[in-house]
Structure formats: C-alpha cells, structure tokens
PDB file of all heavy atoms in Angstrom:
ATOM      1  N   ALA A   1     131.268 117.296  39.260  1.00  0.00           N
ATOM      2  CA  ALA A   1     130.316 118.401  39.179  1.00  0.00           C
ATOM      3  C   ALA A   1     128.958 117.986  39.108  1.00  0.00           C
ATOM      4  O   ALA A   1     128.039 118.732  39.438  1.00  0.00           O
ATOM      5  CB  ALA A   1     130.708 119.205  37.962  1.00  0.00           C
ATOM      6  N   ALA A   2     128.709 116.707  38.632  1.00  0.00           N
ATOM      7  CA  ALA A   2     127.353 116.280  38.512  1.00  0.00           C
ATOM      8  C   ALA A   2     126.675 115.970  39.798  1.00  0.00           C
ATOM      9  O   ALA A   2     125.493 115.770  39.874  1.00  0.00           O
ATOM     10  CB  ALA A   2     127.357 115.038  37.629  1.00  0.00           C
ATOM     11  N   VAL A   3     127.440 115.940  40.849  1.00  0.00           N
ATOM     12  CA  VAL A   3     126.883 115.646  42.147  1.00  0.00           C
ATOM     13  C   VAL A   3     126.925 116.885  43.040  1.00  0.00           C
ATOM     14  O   VAL A   3     126.729 116.752  44.227  1.00  0.00           O
ATOM     15  CB  VAL A   3     127.546 114.468  42.829  1.00  0.00           C
ATOM     16  CG1 VAL A   3     127.331 113.205  42.070  1.00  0.00           C
ATOM     17  CG2 VAL A   3     129.049 114.744  43.017  1.00  0.00           C
ATOM     18  N   SER A   4     127.168 118.017  42.518  1.00  0.00           N
ATOM     19  CA  SER A   4     127.189 119.245  43.314  1.00  0.00           C
ATOM     20  C   SER A   4     126.386 120.257  42.602  1.00  0.00           C
ATOM     21  O   SER A   4     126.169 120.278  41.421  1.00  0.00           O
ATOM     22  CB  SER A   4     128.594 119.740  43.484  1.00  0.00           C
ATOM     23  OG  SER A   4     129.182 120.002  42.239  1.00  0.00           O
ATOM     24  N   THR A   5     125.829 121.153  43.374  1.00  0.00           N
ATOM     25  CA  THR A   5     124.932 122.180  42.838  1.00  0.00           C
ATOM     26  C   THR A   5     125.788 123.374  42.316  1.00  0.00           C
ATOM     27  O   THR A   5     126.701 123.775  43.025  1.00  0.00           O
ATOM     28  CB  THR A   5     123.968 122.700  43.906  1.00  0.00           C
ATOM     29  OG1 THR A   5     123.221 121.597  44.418  1.00  0.00           O
ATOM     30  CG2 THR A   5     123.028 123.766  43.394  1.00  0.00           C
ATOM     31  N   PRO A   6     125.493 123.928  41.169  1.00  0.00           N
ATOM     32  CA  PRO A   6     126.323 124.979  40.635  1.00  0.00           C
ATOM     33  C   PRO A   6     126.302 126.209  41.652  1.00  0.00           C
ATOM     34  O   PRO A   6     125.303 126.375  42.339  1.00  0.00           O
ATOM     35  CB  PRO A   6     125.579 125.410  39.318  1.00  0.00           C
ATOM     36  CG  PRO A   6     124.900 124.101  38.925  1.00  0.00           C
ATOM     37  CD  PRO A   6     124.501 123.485  40.204  1.00  0.00           C
ATOM     38  N   PRO A   7     127.364 126.946  41.661  1.00  0.00           N
ATOM     39  CA  PRO A   7     127.477 128.048  42.588  1.00  0.00           C
ATOM     40  C   PRO A   7     126.458 129.175  42.253  1.00  0.00           C
ATOM     41  O   PRO A   7     125.976 129.248  41.119  1.00  0.00           O
ATOM     42  CB  PRO A   7     128.895 128.544  42.413  1.00  0.00           C
ATOM     43  CG  PRO A   7     129.256 128.138  41.005  1.00  0.00           C
ATOM     44  CD  PRO A   7     128.552 126.840  40.836  1.00  0.00           C
ATOM     45  N   ALA A   8     126.152 130.000  43.232  1.00  0.00           N
ATOM     46  CA  ALA A   8     125.234 131.047  42.999  1.00  0.00           C
ATOM     47  C   ALA A   8     125.858 131.970  41.961  1.00  0.00           C
ATOM     48  O   ALA A   8     127.032 132.426  42.060  1.00  0.00           O
ATOM     49  CB  ALA A   8     125.037 131.837  44.300  1.00  0.00           C
ATOM     50  N   ILE A   9     125.072 132.386  41.019  1.00  0.00           N
ATOM     51  CA  ILE A   9     125.551 133.314  39.963  1.00  0.00           C
ATOM     52  C   ILE A   9     124.595 134.409  39.815  1.00  0.00           C
ATOM     53  O   ILE A   9     123.527 134.384  40.330  1.00  0.00           O
ATOM     54  CB  ILE A   9     125.714 132.572  38.605  1.00  0.00           C
ATOM     55  CG1 ILE A   9     124.371 131.911  38.171  1.00  0.00           C
ATOM     56  CG2 ILE A   9     126.801 131.499  38.691  1.00  0.00           C
ATOM     57  CD1 ILE A   9     124.428 131.273  36.881  1.00  0.00           C
ATOM     58  N   SER A  10     124.989 135.379  39.054  1.00  0.00           N
ATOM     59  CA  SER A  10     124.148 136.612  38.844  1.00  0.00           C
ATOM     60  C   SER A  10     122.837 136.212  38.183  1.00  0.00           C
ATOM     61  O   SER A  10     122.791 135.271  37.435  1.00  0.00           O
ATOM     62  CB  SER A  10     124.938 137.589  38.041  1.00  0.00           C
ATOM     63  OG  SER A  10     124.056 138.625  37.561  1.00  0.00           O
ATOM     64  N   ASN A  11     121.864 136.962  38.455  1.00  0.00           N
ATOM     65  CA  ASN A  11     120.462 136.715  37.913  1.00  0.00           C
ATOM     66  C   ASN A  11     120.339 137.261  36.482  1.00  0.00           C
ATOM     67  O   ASN A  11     119.273 137.139  35.916  1.00  0.00           O
ATOM     68  CB  ASN A  11     119.422 137.274  38.792  1.00  0.00           C
ATOM     69  CG  ASN A  11     119.309 136.455  40.084  1.00  0.00           C
ATOM     70  OD1 ASN A  11     119.493 135.282  40.043  1.00  0.00           O
ATOM     71  ND2 ASN A  11     118.925 137.156  41.150  1.00  0.00           N
ATOM     72  N   THR A  12     121.373 137.953  35.988  1.00  0.00           N
ATOM     73  CA  THR A  12     121.213 138.510  34.597  1.00  0.00           C
ATOM     74  C   THR A  12     121.108 137.389  33.648  1.00  0.00           C
ATOM     75  O   THR A  12     121.910 136.384  33.738  1.00  0.00           O
ATOM     76  CB  THR A  12     122.428 139.397  34.319  1.00  0.00           C
ATOM     77  OG1 THR A  12     123.615 138.673  34.387  1.00  0.00           O
ATOM     78  CG2 THR A  12     122.419 140.651  35.223  1.00  0.00           C
ATOM     79  N   PRO A  13     120.225 137.476  32.672  1.00  0.00           N
ATOM     80  CA  PRO A  13     120.069 136.359  31.655  1.00  0.00           C
ATOM     81  C   PRO A  13     121.362 136.014  30.921  1.00  0.00           C
ATOM     82  O   PRO A  13     121.634 134.876  30.700  1.00  0.00           O
ATOM     83  CB  PRO A  13     119.052 136.961  30.678  1.00  0.00           C
ATOM     84  CG  PRO A  13     118.258 137.974  31.533  1.00  0.00           C
ATOM     85  CD  PRO A  13     119.297 138.594  32.422  1.00  0.00           C
ATOM     86  N   ALA A  14     122.219 137.051  30.666  1.00  0.00           N
ATOM     87  CA  ALA A  14     123.429 136.758  29.907  1.00  0.00           C
ATOM     88  C   ALA A  14     124.304 135.769  30.692  1.00  0.00           C
ATOM     89  O   ALA A  14     124.843 134.866  30.155  1.00  0.00           O
ATOM     90  CB  ALA A  14     124.191 138.057  29.613  1.00  0.00           C
ATOM     91  N   LYS A  15     124.529 136.108  31.949  1.00  0.00           N
ATOM     92  CA  LYS A  15     125.395 135.266  32.762  1.00  0.00           C
ATOM     93  C   LYS A  15     124.838 133.855  32.971  1.00  0.00           C
ATOM     94  O   LYS A  15     125.515 132.914  33.030  1.00  0.00           O
ATOM     95  CB  LYS A  15     125.750 135.939  34.133  1.00  0.00           C
ATOM     96  CG  LYS A  15     126.630 137.091  33.978  1.00  0.00           C
ATOM     97  CD  LYS A  15     127.059 137.704  35.345  1.00  0.00           C
ATOM     98  CE  LYS A  15     128.062 138.772  35.167  1.00  0.00           C
ATOM     99  NZ  LYS A  15     128.583 139.304  36.436  1.00  0.00           N
ATOM    100  N   ARG A  16     123.508 133.768  33.104  1.00  0.00           N
ATOM    101  CA  ARG A  16     122.913 132.468  33.215  1.00  0.00           C
ATOM    102  C   ARG A  16     123.135 131.663  31.924  1.00  0.00           C
ATOM    103  O   ARG A  16     123.476 130.489  31.920  1.00  0.00           O
ATOM    104  CB  ARG A  16     121.375 132.562  33.526  1.00  0.00           C
ATOM    105  CG  ARG A  16     121.042 132.957  34.933  1.00  0.00           C
ATOM    106  CD  ARG A  16     119.657 132.550  35.230  1.00  0.00           C
ATOM    107  NE  ARG A  16     118.686 133.108  34.349  1.00  0.00           N
ATOM    108  CZ  ARG A  16     118.088 134.320  34.591  1.00  0.00           C
ATOM    109  NH1 ARG A  16     118.365 135.015  35.603  1.00  0.00           N
ATOM    110  NH2 ARG A  16     117.142 134.775  33.737  1.00  0.00           N
ATOM    111  N   ASP A  17     122.970 132.317  30.740  1.00  0.00           N
ATOM    112  CA  ASP A  17     123.146 131.628  29.501  1.00  0.00           C
ATOM    113  C   ASP A  17     124.610 131.190  29.341  1.00  0.00           C
ATOM    114  O   ASP A  17     124.910 130.094  28.933  1.00  0.00           O
ATOM    115  CB  ASP A  17     122.807 132.555  28.283  1.00  0.00           C
ATOM    116  CG  ASP A  17     121.273 132.827  28.242  1.00  0.00           C
ATOM    117  OD1 ASP A  17     120.544 132.010  28.846  1.00  0.00           O
ATOM    118  OD2 ASP A  17     120.863 133.784  27.630  1.00  0.00           O
ATOM    119  N   TYR A  18     125.511 132.098  29.680  1.00  0.00           N
ATOM    120  CA  TYR A  18     126.954 131.733  29.634  1.00  0.00           C
ATOM    121  C   TYR A  18     127.269 130.555  30.545  1.00  0.00           C
ATOM    122  O   TYR A  18     128.123 129.748  30.202  1.00  0.00           O
ATOM    123  CB  TYR A  18     127.810 132.943  29.896  1.00  0.00           C
ATOM    124  CG  TYR A  18     127.840 134.015  28.912  1.00  0.00           C
ATOM    125  CD1 TYR A  18     127.861 135.366  29.179  1.00  0.00           C
ATOM    126  CD2 TYR A  18     127.750 133.647  27.516  1.00  0.00           C
ATOM    127  CE1 TYR A  18     127.818 136.360  28.258  1.00  0.00           C
ATOM    128  CE2 TYR A  18     127.761 134.619  26.599  1.00  0.00           C
ATOM    129  CZ  TYR A  18     127.773 135.978  26.901  1.00  0.00           C
ATOM    130  OH  TYR A  18     127.834 136.926  25.945  1.00  0.00           O
ATOM    131  N   TYR A  19     126.695 130.517  31.727  1.00  0.00           N
ATOM    132  CA  TYR A  19     126.998 129.407  32.626  1.00  0.00           C
ATOM    133  C   TYR A  19     126.584 128.080  31.989  1.00  0.00           C
ATOM    134  O   TYR A  19     127.345 127.129  32.043  1.00  0.00           O
ATOM    135  CB  TYR A  19     126.289 129.580  33.971  1.00  0.00           C
ATOM    136  CG  TYR A  19     126.494 128.421  34.881  1.00  0.00           C
ATOM    137  CD1 TYR A  19     127.673 128.319  35.656  1.00  0.00           C
ATOM    138  CD2 TYR A  19     125.595 127.372  34.896  1.00  0.00           C
ATOM    139  CE1 TYR A  19     127.920 127.214  36.433  1.00  0.00           C
ATOM    140  CE2 TYR A  19     125.799 126.220  35.682  1.00  0.00           C
ATOM    141  CZ  TYR A  19     126.955 126.088  36.475  1.00  0.00           C
ATOM    142  OH  TYR A  19     127.263 125.050  37.277  1.00  0.00           O
ATOM    143  N   TRP A  20     125.374 127.978  31.454  1.00  0.00           N
ATOM    144  CA  TRP A  20     124.931 126.740  30.897  1.00  0.00           C
ATOM    145  C   TRP A  20     125.709 126.364  29.676  1.00  0.00           C
ATOM    146  O   TRP A  20     125.947 125.218  29.406  1.00  0.00           O
ATOM    147  CB  TRP A  20     123.423 126.854  30.554  1.00  0.00           C
ATOM    148  CG  TRP A  20     122.552 126.920  31.823  1.00  0.00           C
ATOM    149  CD1 TRP A  20     121.757 127.915  32.218  1.00  0.00           C
ATOM    150  CD2 TRP A  20     122.480 125.912  32.826  1.00  0.00           C
ATOM    151  NE1 TRP A  20     121.152 127.646  33.442  1.00  0.00           N
ATOM    152  CE2 TRP A  20     121.601 126.440  33.811  1.00  0.00           C
ATOM    153  CE3 TRP A  20     123.097 124.654  33.012  1.00  0.00           C
ATOM    154  CZ2 TRP A  20     121.268 125.675  34.967  1.00  0.00           C
ATOM    155  CZ3 TRP A  20     122.741 123.916  34.157  1.00  0.00           C
ATOM    156  CH2 TRP A  20     121.860 124.453  35.144  1.00  0.00           C
ATOM    157  N   LEU A  21     126.084 127.384  28.876  1.00  0.00           N
ATOM    158  CA  LEU A  21     126.948 127.119  27.668  1.00  0.00           C
ATOM    159  C   LEU A  21     128.277 126.552  28.100  1.00  0.00           C
ATOM    160  O   LEU A  21     128.766 125.546  27.522  1.00  0.00           O
ATOM    161  CB  LEU A  21     127.114 128.434  26.927  1.00  0.00           C
ATOM    162  CG  LEU A  21     127.997 128.364  25.671  1.00  0.00           C
ATOM    163  CD1 LEU A  21     127.355 127.304  24.636  1.00  0.00           C
ATOM    164  CD2 LEU A  21     128.124 129.718  25.005  1.00  0.00           C
ATOM    165  N   ARG A  22     128.894 127.137  29.156  1.00  0.00           N
ATOM    166  CA  ARG A  22     130.199 126.684  29.590  1.00  0.00           C
ATOM    167  C   ARG A  22     130.062 125.224  30.160  1.00  0.00           C
ATOM    168  O   ARG A  22     130.855 124.368  29.936  1.00  0.00           O
ATOM    169  CB  ARG A  22     130.786 127.631  30.650  1.00  0.00           C
ATOM    170  CG  ARG A  22     131.068 129.025  30.139  1.00  0.00           C
ATOM    171  CD  ARG A  22     132.029 129.735  31.052  1.00  0.00           C
ATOM    172  NE  ARG A  22     131.501 129.810  32.398  1.00  0.00           N
ATOM    173  CZ  ARG A  22     130.718 130.730  32.933  1.00  0.00           C
ATOM    174  NH1 ARG A  22     130.280 131.699  32.146  1.00  0.00           N
ATOM    175  NH2 ARG A  22     130.369 130.692  34.201  1.00  0.00           N
ATOM    176  N   SER A  23     128.984 125.041  30.919  1.00  0.00           N
ATOM    177  CA  SER A  23     128.713 123.674  31.448  1.00  0.00           C
ATOM    178  C   SER A  23     128.530 122.678  30.355  1.00  0.00           C
ATOM    179  O   SER A  23     129.022 121.540  30.412  1.00  0.00           O
ATOM    180  CB  SER A  23     127.497 123.761  32.372  1.00  0.00           C
ATOM    181  OG  SER A  23     127.183 122.460  32.881  1.00  0.00           O
ATOM    182  N   PHE A  24     127.815 123.051  29.345  1.00  0.00           N
ATOM    183  CA  PHE A  24     127.519 122.199  28.148  1.00  0.00           C
ATOM    184  C   PHE A  24     128.835 121.812  27.476  1.00  0.00           C
ATOM    185  O   PHE A  24     129.079 120.589  27.204  1.00  0.00           O
ATOM    186  CB  PHE A  24     126.629 122.963  27.157  1.00  0.00           C
ATOM    187  CG  PHE A  24     126.125 122.064  26.051  1.00  0.00           C
ATOM    188  CD1 PHE A  24     124.817 121.554  26.139  1.00  0.00           C
ATOM    189  CD2 PHE A  24     126.880 121.861  24.898  1.00  0.00           C
ATOM    190  CE1 PHE A  24     124.368 120.722  25.084  1.00  0.00           C
ATOM    191  CE2 PHE A  24     126.390 121.106  23.853  1.00  0.00           C
ATOM    192  CZ  PHE A  24     125.135 120.524  23.933  1.00  0.00           C
ATOM    193  N   VAL A  25     129.730 122.784  27.234  1.00  0.00           N
ATOM    194  CA  VAL A  25     130.998 122.527  26.636  1.00  0.00           C
ATOM    195  C   VAL A  25     131.856 121.653  27.437  1.00  0.00           C
ATOM    196  O   VAL A  25     132.452 120.694  26.973  1.00  0.00           O
ATOM    197  CB  VAL A  25     131.697 123.879  26.284  1.00  0.00           C
ATOM    198  CG1 VAL A  25     133.137 123.610  25.766  1.00  0.00           C
ATOM    199  CG2 VAL A  25     130.985 124.629  25.239  1.00  0.00           C
ATOM    200  N   ALA A  26     131.889 121.908  28.746  1.00  0.00           N
ATOM    201  CA  ALA A  26     132.770 121.107  29.651  1.00  0.00           C
ATOM    202  C   ALA A  26     132.363 119.675  29.604  1.00  0.00           C
ATOM    203  O   ALA A  26     133.214 118.750  29.529  1.00  0.00           O
ATOM    204  CB  ALA A  26     132.655 121.665  31.102  1.00  0.00           C
ATOM    205  N   GLY A  27     131.055 119.358  29.759  1.00  0.00           N
ATOM    206  CA  GLY A  27     130.559 118.003  29.747  1.00  0.00           C
ATOM    207  C   GLY A  27     130.829 117.329  28.411  1.00  0.00           C
ATOM    208  O   GLY A  27     131.172 116.141  28.414  1.00  0.00           O
ATOM    209  N   GLY A  28     130.568 118.071  27.330  1.00  0.00           N
ATOM    210  CA  GLY A  28     130.766 117.449  26.022  1.00  0.00           C
ATOM    211  C   GLY A  28     132.198 117.114  25.706  1.00  0.00           C
ATOM    212  O   GLY A  28     132.490 116.038  25.260  1.00  0.00           O
ATOM    213  N   VAL A  29     133.107 118.013  26.064  1.00  0.00           N
ATOM    214  CA  VAL A  29     134.533 117.735  25.816  1.00  0.00           C
ATOM    215  C   VAL A  29     135.024 116.554  26.633  1.00  0.00           C
ATOM    216  O   VAL A  29     135.736 115.687  26.188  1.00  0.00           O
ATOM    217  CB  VAL A  29     135.400 119.024  26.151  1.00  0.00           C
ATOM    218  CG1 VAL A  29     136.866 118.671  26.120  1.00  0.00           C
ATOM    219  CG2 VAL A  29     135.033 120.132  25.165  1.00  0.00           C
ATOM    220  N   ALA A  30     134.614 116.515  27.883  1.00  0.00           N
ATOM    221  CA  ALA A  30     135.058 115.429  28.774  1.00  0.00           C
ATOM    222  C   ALA A  30     134.504 114.071  28.235  1.00  0.00           C
ATOM    223  O   ALA A  30     135.192 113.061  28.245  1.00  0.00           O
ATOM    224  CB  ALA A  30     134.551 115.683  30.242  1.00  0.00           C
ATOM    225  N   GLY A  31     133.247 114.090  27.815  1.00  0.00           N
ATOM    226  CA  GLY A  31     132.681 112.836  27.247  1.00  0.00           C
ATOM    227  C   GLY A  31     133.405 112.341  26.053  1.00  0.00           C
ATOM    228  O   GLY A  31     133.644 111.181  25.912  1.00  0.00           O
ATOM    229  N   CYS A  32     133.689 113.289  25.135  1.00  0.00           N
ATOM    230  CA  CYS A  32     134.398 112.897  23.910  1.00  0.00           C
ATOM    231  C   CYS A  32     135.795 112.368  24.187  1.00  0.00           C
ATOM    232  O   CYS A  32     136.235 111.307  23.595  1.00  0.00           O
ATOM    233  CB  CYS A  32     134.490 114.088  23.007  1.00  0.00           C
ATOM    234  SG  CYS A  32     132.889 114.587  22.225  1.00  0.00           S
ATOM    235  N   CYS A  33     136.493 112.995  25.079  1.00  0.00           N
ATOM    236  CA  CYS A  33     137.877 112.503  25.396  1.00  0.00           C
ATOM    237  C   CYS A  33     137.828 111.129  26.008  1.00  0.00           C
ATOM    238  O   CYS A  33     138.600 110.267  25.699  1.00  0.00           O
ATOM    239  CB  CYS A  33     138.588 113.499  26.356  1.00  0.00           C
ATOM    240  SG  CYS A  33     139.005 115.098  25.607  1.00  0.00           S
ATOM    241  N   ALA A  34     136.858 110.930  26.952  1.00  0.00           N
ATOM    242  CA  ALA A  34     136.745 109.618  27.651  1.00  0.00           C
ATOM    243  C   ALA A  34     136.357 108.550  26.618  1.00  0.00           C
ATOM    244  O   ALA A  34     136.954 107.453  26.700  1.00  0.00           O
ATOM    245  CB  ALA A  34     135.715 109.699  28.774  1.00  0.00           C
ATOM    246  N   LYS A  35     135.393 108.791  25.762  1.00  0.00           N
ATOM    247  CA  LYS A  35     134.949 107.803  24.870  1.00  0.00           C
ATOM    248  C   LYS A  35     135.950 107.466  23.795  1.00  0.00           C
ATOM    249  O   LYS A  35     136.092 106.305  23.395  1.00  0.00           O
ATOM    250  CB  LYS A  35     133.650 108.252  24.165  1.00  0.00           C
ATOM    251  CG  LYS A  35     132.407 108.076  25.096  1.00  0.00           C
ATOM    252  CD  LYS A  35     132.185 106.642  25.406  1.00  0.00           C
ATOM    253  CE  LYS A  35     130.935 106.449  26.250  1.00  0.00           C
ATOM    254  NZ  LYS A  35     130.667 105.056  26.573  1.00  0.00           N
ATOM    255  N   THR A  36     136.786 108.412  23.362  1.00  0.00           N
ATOM    256  CA  THR A  36     137.744 108.153  22.374  1.00  0.00           C
ATOM    257  C   THR A  36     138.908 107.263  23.001  1.00  0.00           C
ATOM    258  O   THR A  36     139.416 106.361  22.327  1.00  0.00           O
ATOM    259  CB  THR A  36     138.410 109.468  21.861  1.00  0.00           C
ATOM    260  OG1 THR A  36     137.406 110.304  21.254  1.00  0.00           O
ATOM    261  CG2 THR A  36     139.546 109.207  20.879  1.00  0.00           C
ATOM    262  N   THR A  37     139.133 107.473  24.253  1.00  0.00           N
ATOM    263  CA  THR A  37     140.197 106.653  24.954  1.00  0.00           C
ATOM    264  C   THR A  37     139.797 105.200  24.970  1.00  0.00           C
ATOM    265  O   THR A  37     140.642 104.318  24.812  1.00  0.00           O
ATOM    266  CB  THR A  37     140.406 107.211  26.352  1.00  0.00           C
ATOM    267  OG1 THR A  37     140.807 108.544  26.329  1.00  0.00           O
ATOM    268  CG2 THR A  37     141.447 106.338  27.112  1.00  0.00           C
ATOM    269  N   ILE A  38     138.515 104.951  25.211  1.00  0.00           N
ATOM    270  CA  ILE A  38     138.096 103.496  25.338  1.00  0.00           C
ATOM    271  C   ILE A  38     137.308 103.011  24.125  1.00  0.00           C
ATOM    272  O   ILE A  38     136.705 101.960  24.212  1.00  0.00           O
ATOM    273  CB  ILE A  38     137.159 103.376  26.581  1.00  0.00           C
ATOM    274  CG1 ILE A  38     135.890 104.200  26.470  1.00  0.00           C
ATOM    275  CG2 ILE A  38     137.967 103.745  27.858  1.00  0.00           C
ATOM    276  CD1 ILE A  38     134.848 103.861  27.499  1.00  0.00           C
ATOM    277  N   ALA A  39     137.422 103.697  23.002  1.00  0.00           N
ATOM    278  CA  ALA A  39     136.718 103.339  21.803  1.00  0.00           C
ATOM    279  C   ALA A  39     137.031 101.890  21.328  1.00  0.00           C
ATOM    280  O   ALA A  39     136.128 101.127  21.003  1.00  0.00           O
ATOM    281  CB  ALA A  39     136.957 104.315  20.650  1.00  0.00           C
ATOM    282  N   PRO A  40     138.327 101.453  21.427  1.00  0.00           N
ATOM    283  CA  PRO A  40     138.569 100.021  21.044  1.00  0.00           C
ATOM    284  C   PRO A  40     137.864  99.061  21.959  1.00  0.00           C
ATOM    285  O   PRO A  40     137.338  97.997  21.420  1.00  0.00           O
ATOM    286  CB  PRO A  40     140.124  99.916  21.159  1.00  0.00           C
ATOM    287  CG  PRO A  40     140.629 101.337  21.002  1.00  0.00           C
ATOM    288  CD  PRO A  40     139.567 102.205  21.634  1.00  0.00           C
ATOM    289  N   LEU A  41     137.748  99.313  23.181  1.00  0.00           N
ATOM    290  CA  LEU A  41     137.065  98.400  24.098  1.00  0.00           C
ATOM    291  C   LEU A  41     135.558  98.394  23.845  1.00  0.00           C
ATOM    292  O   LEU A  41     134.947  97.341  23.940  1.00  0.00           O
ATOM    293  CB  LEU A  41     137.341  98.778  25.560  1.00  0.00           C
ATOM    294  CG  LEU A  41     138.806  98.708  25.964  1.00  0.00           C
ATOM    295  CD1 LEU A  41     139.000  99.242  27.383  1.00  0.00           C
ATOM    296  CD2 LEU A  41     139.324  97.258  25.901  1.00  0.00           C
ATOM    297  N   ASP A  42     135.010  99.571  23.451  1.00  0.00           N
ATOM    298  CA  ASP A  42     133.580  99.679  23.151  1.00  0.00           C
ATOM    299  C   ASP A  42     133.267  98.803  21.897  1.00  0.00           C
ATOM    300  O   ASP A  42     132.241  98.161  21.793  1.00  0.00           O
ATOM    301  CB  ASP A  42     133.165 101.116  22.877  1.00  0.00           C
ATOM    302  CG  ASP A  42     132.830 101.803  24.215  1.00  0.00           C
ATOM    303  OD1 ASP A  42     132.523 101.131  25.221  1.00  0.00           O
ATOM    304  OD2 ASP A  42     132.878 103.046  24.236  1.00  0.00           O
ATOM    305  N   ARG A  43     134.220  98.893  20.863  1.00  0.00           N
ATOM    306  CA  ARG A  43     133.954  98.154  19.657  1.00  0.00           C
ATOM    307  C   ARG A  43     133.930  96.643  19.943  1.00  0.00           C
ATOM    308  O   ARG A  43     133.116  95.896  19.458  1.00  0.00           O
ATOM    309  CB  ARG A  43     135.110  98.443  18.635  1.00  0.00           C
ATOM    310  CG  ARG A  43     135.044  97.535  17.432  1.00  0.00           C
ATOM    311  CD  ARG A  43     134.260  98.123  16.261  1.00  0.00           C
ATOM    312  NE  ARG A  43     133.770  97.132  15.341  1.00  0.00           N
ATOM    313  CZ  ARG A  43     134.463  96.539  14.369  1.00  0.00           C
ATOM    314  NH1 ARG A  43     135.733  96.851  14.179  1.00  0.00           N
ATOM    315  NH2 ARG A  43     133.922  95.728  13.598  1.00  0.00           N
ATOM    316  N   VAL A  44     134.900  96.211  20.766  1.00  0.00           N
ATOM    317  CA  VAL A  44     134.979  94.792  21.147  1.00  0.00           C
ATOM    318  C   VAL A  44     133.737  94.335  21.907  1.00  0.00           C
ATOM    319  O   VAL A  44     133.180  93.276  21.718  1.00  0.00           O
ATOM    320  CB  VAL A  44     136.282  94.482  21.953  1.00  0.00           C
ATOM    321  CG1 VAL A  44     136.203  93.062  22.525  1.00  0.00           C
ATOM    322  CG2 VAL A  44     137.493  94.661  21.068  1.00  0.00           C
TER     323      VAL A  44
END
C-alpha cells in the first residue's frame, strides 16, 4: 500500500478522517506483528 496512491474518496471531512485513521491502524498493527516476530533477532 505504501507504493500505491489511496483510492479516490469522498471529500467530506468525516470520511477523510476515517480513511487516515484506518490507514494509521493498519500500518501500526502490521508493524507491531512484524517486529514481535523478529524481536529475538533484533535483540541479538
């Protein structure tokens, strides 16, 4: 998703806010899962 432009969405502020919030959550969850998986290797 980081190399593609987000799809066209409604111009209403609420939907714009919700899009960024959902994007924020998606990136954060993915990062936490990935880092926890390789945490022992990071410590080493």
